[in-house]
Amino acid sequence: MPFTAYNVDEDDRAYDDLIARGWRTVPVTIIGDNAIKGFDERALMAAIADWRARP
């Protein structure tokens, strides 16, 4: 599955996007419409399954 990683410490645009989404902490993983804060394996797997199930 392709992905894009952003480093908010080095990329001001990525940091601004993070803040605009209402997040103030990292990591944040965005999969489709789902945003998962921190490492939450159950939430990550559910978001991936939801994303894969979309037409």
PDB file of N, CA and C in Angstrom:
ATOM      1  N   MET A   1       0.856  -1.165   0.000  1.00  0.00           N
ATOM      2  CA  MET A   1       0.000   0.000   0.000  1.00  0.00           C
ATOM      3  C   MET A   1       0.910   1.238   0.000  1.00  0.00           C
ATOM      4  N   PRO A   2       0.745   2.135  -0.955  1.00  0.00           N
ATOM      5  CA  PRO A   2       1.571   3.347  -0.997  1.00  0.00           C
ATOM      6  C   PRO A   2       1.216   4.288   0.155  1.00  0.00           C
ATOM      7  N   PHE A   3       2.190   5.060   0.571  1.00  0.00           N
ATOM      8  CA  PHE A   3       1.955   6.043   1.630  1.00  0.00           C
ATOM      9  C   PHE A   3       2.915   7.205   1.463  1.00  0.00           C
ATOM     10  N   THR A   4       2.605   8.284   2.119  1.00  0.00           N
ATOM     11  CA  THR A   4       3.482   9.447   2.145  1.00  0.00           C
ATOM     12  C   THR A   4       3.766   9.780   3.593  1.00  0.00           C
ATOM     13  N   ALA A   5       5.027   9.924   3.932  1.00  0.00           N
ATOM     14  CA  ALA A   5       5.431  10.276   5.295  1.00  0.00           C
ATOM     15  C   ALA A   5       5.856  11.742   5.307  1.00  0.00           C
ATOM     16  N   TYR A   6       5.442  12.450   6.339  1.00  0.00           N
ATOM     17  CA  TYR A   6       5.816  13.854   6.509  1.00  0.00           C
ATOM     18  C   TYR A   6       6.505  14.015   7.851  1.00  0.00           C
ATOM     19  N   ASN A   7       7.561  14.806   7.886  1.00  0.00           N
ATOM     20  CA  ASN A   7       8.267  15.104   9.126  1.00  0.00           C
ATOM     21  C   ASN A   7       7.953  16.547   9.504  1.00  0.00           C
ATOM     22  N   VAL A   8       7.101  16.723  10.497  1.00  0.00           N
ATOM     23  CA  VAL A   8       6.665  18.070  10.868  1.00  0.00           C
ATOM     24  C   VAL A   8       7.788  18.897  11.496  1.00  0.00           C
ATOM     25  N   ASP A   9       8.860  18.246  11.920  1.00  0.00           N
ATOM     26  CA  ASP A   9      10.013  18.988  12.442  1.00  0.00           C
ATOM     27  C   ASP A   9      10.791  19.676  11.323  1.00  0.00           C
ATOM     28  N   GLU A  10      10.708  19.124  10.121  1.00  0.00           N
ATOM     29  CA  GLU A  10      11.486  19.649   9.004  1.00  0.00           C
ATOM     30  C   GLU A  10      10.640  20.278   7.901  1.00  0.00           C
ATOM     31  N   ASP A  11       9.336  20.077   7.935  1.00  0.00           N
ATOM     32  CA  ASP A  11       8.460  20.521   6.857  1.00  0.00           C
ATOM     33  C   ASP A  11       7.368  21.428   7.425  1.00  0.00           C
ATOM     34  N   ASP A  12       7.533  22.740   7.227  1.00  0.00           N
ATOM     35  CA  ASP A  12       6.581  23.707   7.775  1.00  0.00           C
ATOM     36  C   ASP A  12       5.174  23.501   7.223  1.00  0.00           C
ATOM     37  N   ARG A  13       5.054  23.132   5.969  1.00  0.00           N
ATOM     38  CA  ARG A  13       3.736  22.898   5.369  1.00  0.00           C
ATOM     39  C   ARG A  13       3.051  21.708   6.049  1.00  0.00           C
ATOM     40  N   ALA A  14       3.800  20.650   6.306  1.00  0.00           N
ATOM     41  CA  ALA A  14       3.237  19.486   6.997  1.00  0.00           C
ATOM     42  C   ALA A  14       2.811  19.859   8.412  1.00  0.00           C
ATOM     43  N   TYR A  15       3.611  20.670   9.084  1.00  0.00           N
ATOM     44  CA  TYR A  15       3.252  21.122  10.431  1.00  0.00           C
ATOM     45  C   TYR A  15       1.975  21.950  10.397  1.00  0.00           C
ATOM     46  N   ASP A  16       1.871  22.873   9.447  1.00  0.00           N
ATOM     47  CA  ASP A  16       0.668  23.699   9.319  1.00  0.00           C
ATOM     48  C   ASP A  16      -0.559  22.842   9.037  1.00  0.00           C
ATOM     49  N   ASP A  17      -0.409  21.797   8.211  1.00  0.00           N
ATOM     50  CA  ASP A  17      -1.518  20.896   7.914  1.00  0.00           C
ATOM     51  C   ASP A  17      -1.941  20.131   9.170  1.00  0.00           C
ATOM     52  N   LEU A  18      -0.985  19.697   9.944  1.00  0.00           N
ATOM     53  CA  LEU A  18      -1.272  18.999  11.194  1.00  0.00           C
ATOM     54  C   LEU A  18      -2.088  19.892  12.129  1.00  0.00           C
ATOM     55  N   ILE A  19      -1.668  21.133  12.284  1.00  0.00           N
ATOM     56  CA  ILE A  19      -2.359  22.083  13.157  1.00  0.00           C
ATOM     57  C   ILE A  19      -3.759  22.389  12.598  1.00  0.00           C
ATOM     58  N   ALA A  20      -3.870  22.544  11.284  1.00  0.00           N
ATOM     59  CA  ALA A  20      -5.157  22.840  10.661  1.00  0.00           C
ATOM     60  C   ALA A  20      -6.159  21.701  10.878  1.00  0.00           C
ATOM     61  N   ARG A  21      -5.667  20.486  11.010  1.00  0.00           N
ATOM     62  CA  ARG A  21      -6.538  19.333  11.261  1.00  0.00           C
ATOM     63  C   ARG A  21      -6.910  19.215  12.739  1.00  0.00           C
ATOM     64  N   GLY A  22      -6.348  20.099  13.580  1.00  0.00           N
ATOM     65  CA  GLY A  22      -6.681  20.101  14.992  1.00  0.00           C
ATOM     66  C   GLY A  22      -5.786  19.231  15.860  1.00  0.00           C
ATOM     67  N   TRP A  23      -4.697  18.768  15.311  1.00  0.00           N
ATOM     68  CA  TRP A  23      -3.781  17.907  16.059  1.00  0.00           C
ATOM     69  C   TRP A  23      -2.611  18.719  16.578  1.00  0.00           C
ATOM     70  N   ARG A  24      -2.140  18.369  17.770  1.00  0.00           N
ATOM     71  CA  ARG A  24      -0.997  19.052  18.366  1.00  0.00           C
ATOM     72  C   ARG A  24       0.072  18.067  18.816  1.00  0.00           C
ATOM     73  N   THR A  25      -0.063  16.840  18.373  1.00  0.00           N
ATOM     74  CA  THR A  25       0.869  15.793  18.784  1.00  0.00           C
ATOM     75  C   THR A  25       1.175  14.887  17.600  1.00  0.00           C
ATOM     76  N   VAL A  26       2.251  14.155  17.686  1.00  0.00           N
ATOM     77  CA  VAL A  26       2.615  13.189  16.658  1.00  0.00           C
ATOM     78  C   VAL A  26       2.922  11.861  17.346  1.00  0.00           C
ATOM     79  N   PRO A  27       2.806  10.758  16.693  1.00  0.00           N
ATOM     80  CA  PRO A  27       2.411  10.619  15.297  1.00  0.00           C
ATOM     81  C   PRO A  27       0.897  10.684  15.117  1.00  0.00           C
ATOM     82  N   VAL A  28       0.515  11.096  13.933  1.00  0.00           N
ATOM     83  CA  VAL A  28      -0.868  11.038  13.483  1.00  0.00           C
ATOM     84  C   VAL A  28      -0.835  10.312  12.145  1.00  0.00           C
ATOM     85  N   THR A  29      -1.646   9.286  12.023  1.00  0.00           N
ATOM     86  CA  THR A  29      -1.741   8.533  10.776  1.00  0.00           C
ATOM     87  C   THR A  29      -3.108   8.811  10.176  1.00  0.00           C
ATOM     88  N   ILE A  30      -3.116   9.242   8.926  1.00  0.00           N
ATOM     89  CA  ILE A  30      -4.376   9.536   8.244  1.00  0.00           C
ATOM     90  C   ILE A  30      -4.562   8.506   7.139  1.00  0.00           C
ATOM     91  N   ILE A  31      -5.675   7.775   7.238  1.00  0.00           N
ATOM     92  CA  ILE A  31      -6.006   6.742   6.261  1.00  0.00           C
ATOM     93  C   ILE A  31      -7.411   7.052   5.778  1.00  0.00           C
ATOM     94  N   GLY A  32      -7.513   7.517   4.540  1.00  0.00           N
ATOM     95  CA  GLY A  32      -8.819   7.931   4.031  1.00  0.00           C
ATOM     96  C   GLY A  32      -9.341   9.088   4.854  1.00  0.00           C
ATOM     97  N   ASP A  33     -10.496   8.913   5.461  1.00  0.00           N
ATOM     98  CA  ASP A  33     -11.091   9.956   6.300  1.00  0.00           C
ATOM     99  C   ASP A  33     -10.771   9.772   7.783  1.00  0.00           C
ATOM    100  N   ASN A  34     -10.046   8.707   8.107  1.00  0.00           N
ATOM    101  CA  ASN A  34      -9.730   8.401   9.504  1.00  0.00           C
ATOM    102  C   ASN A  34      -8.380   8.967   9.905  1.00  0.00           C
ATOM    103  N   ALA A  35      -8.320   9.591  11.073  1.00  0.00           N
ATOM    104  CA  ALA A  35      -7.058  10.074  11.635  1.00  0.00           C
ATOM    105  C   ALA A  35      -6.849   9.361  12.963  1.00  0.00           C
ATOM    106  N   ILE A  36      -5.694   8.721  13.112  1.00  0.00           N
ATOM    107  CA  ILE A  36      -5.385   7.968  14.315  1.00  0.00           C
ATOM    108  C   ILE A  36      -4.197   8.612  15.005  1.00  0.00           C
ATOM    109  N   LYS A  37      -4.391   8.988  16.257  1.00  0.00           N
ATOM    110  CA  LYS A  37      -3.326   9.616  17.049  1.00  0.00           C
ATOM    111  C   LYS A  37      -2.513   8.534  17.751  1.00  0.00           C
ATOM    112  N   GLY A  38      -1.196   8.694  17.713  1.00  0.00           N
ATOM    113  CA  GLY A  38      -0.323   7.741  18.384  1.00  0.00           C
ATOM    114  C   GLY A  38      -0.300   6.399  17.672  1.00  0.00           C
ATOM    115  N   PHE A  39       0.243   5.402  18.363  1.00  0.00           N
ATOM    116  CA  PHE A  39       0.263   4.055  17.802  1.00  0.00           C
ATOM    117  C   PHE A  39      -0.848   3.264  18.463  1.00  0.00           C
ATOM    118  N   ASP A  40      -1.924   3.060  17.721  1.00  0.00           N
ATOM    119  CA  ASP A  40      -3.079   2.291  18.187  1.00  0.00           C
ATOM    120  C   ASP A  40      -3.322   1.224  17.133  1.00  0.00           C
ATOM    121  N   GLU A  41      -2.722   0.063  17.339  1.00  0.00           N
ATOM    122  CA  GLU A  41      -2.756  -0.981  16.316  1.00  0.00           C
ATOM    123  C   GLU A  41      -4.183  -1.355  15.918  1.00  0.00           C
ATOM    124  N   ARG A  42      -5.071  -1.479  16.880  1.00  0.00           N
ATOM    125  CA  ARG A  42      -6.458  -1.854  16.581  1.00  0.00           C
ATOM    126  C   ARG A  42      -7.113  -0.798  15.685  1.00  0.00           C
ATOM    127  N   ALA A  43      -6.943   0.485  16.018  1.00  0.00           N
ATOM    128  CA  ALA A  43      -7.533   1.566  15.216  1.00  0.00           C
ATOM    129  C   ALA A  43      -6.891   1.625  13.830  1.00  0.00           C
ATOM    130  N   LEU A  44      -5.589   1.403  13.746  1.00  0.00           N
ATOM    131  CA  LEU A  44      -4.908   1.404  12.451  1.00  0.00           C
ATOM    132  C   LEU A  44      -5.424   0.278  11.554  1.00  0.00           C
ATOM    133  N   MET A  45      -5.541  -0.925  12.103  1.00  0.00           N
ATOM    134  CA  MET A  45      -6.033  -2.064  11.320  1.00  0.00           C
ATOM    135  C   MET A  45      -7.476  -1.832  10.877  1.00  0.00           C
ATOM    136  N   ALA A  46      -8.303  -1.262  11.743  1.00  0.00           N
ATOM    137  CA  ALA A  46      -9.696  -0.980  11.379  1.00  0.00           C
ATOM    138  C   ALA A  46      -9.763   0.065  10.269  1.00  0.00           C
ATOM    139  N   ALA A  47      -8.933   1.097  10.345  1.00  0.00           N
ATOM    140  CA  ALA A  47      -8.927   2.146   9.320  1.00  0.00           C
ATOM    141  C   ALA A  47      -8.451   1.593   7.975  1.00  0.00           C
ATOM    142  N   ILE A  48      -7.460   0.725   8.012  1.00  0.00           N
ATOM    143  CA  ILE A  48      -6.967   0.105   6.776  1.00  0.00           C
ATOM    144  C   ILE A  48      -8.057  -0.777   6.167  1.00  0.00           C
ATOM    145  N   ALA A  49      -8.719  -1.575   6.996  1.00  0.00           N
ATOM    146  CA  ALA A  49      -9.797  -2.447   6.492  1.00  0.00           C
ATOM    147  C   ALA A  49     -10.915  -1.610   5.885  1.00  0.00           C
ATOM    148  N   ASP A  50     -11.264  -0.503   6.546  1.00  0.00           N
ATOM    149  CA  ASP A  50     -12.306   0.390   6.023  1.00  0.00           C
ATOM    150  C   ASP A  50     -11.882   0.983   4.687  1.00  0.00           C
ATOM    151  N   TRP A  51     -10.642   1.421   4.594  1.00  0.00           N
ATOM    152  CA  TRP A  51     -10.114   2.018   3.363  1.00  0.00           C
ATOM    153  C   TRP A  51     -10.119   0.995   2.224  1.00  0.00           C
ATOM    154  N   ARG A  52      -9.720  -0.223   2.515  1.00  0.00           N
ATOM    155  CA  ARG A  52      -9.668  -1.277   1.481  1.00  0.00           C
ATOM    156  C   ARG A  52     -11.063  -1.685   1.004  1.00  0.00           C
ATOM    157  N   ALA A  53     -12.053  -1.550   1.869  1.00  0.00           N
ATOM    158  CA  ALA A  53     -13.424  -1.958   1.536  1.00  0.00           C
ATOM    159  C   ALA A  53     -14.143  -0.938   0.652  1.00  0.00           C
ATOM    160  N   ARG A  54     -13.571   0.243   0.512  1.00  0.00           N
ATOM    161  CA  ARG A  54     -14.209   1.273  -0.317  1.00  0.00           C
ATOM    162  C   ARG A  54     -14.106   0.905  -1.791  1.00  0.00           C
ATOM    163  N   PRO A  55     -15.166   1.243  -2.535  1.00  0.00           N
ATOM    164  CA  PRO A  55     -15.149   0.942  -3.988  1.00  0.00           C
ATOM    165  C   PRO A  55     -14.169   1.818  -4.748  1.00  0.00           C
TER     166      PRO A  55
END
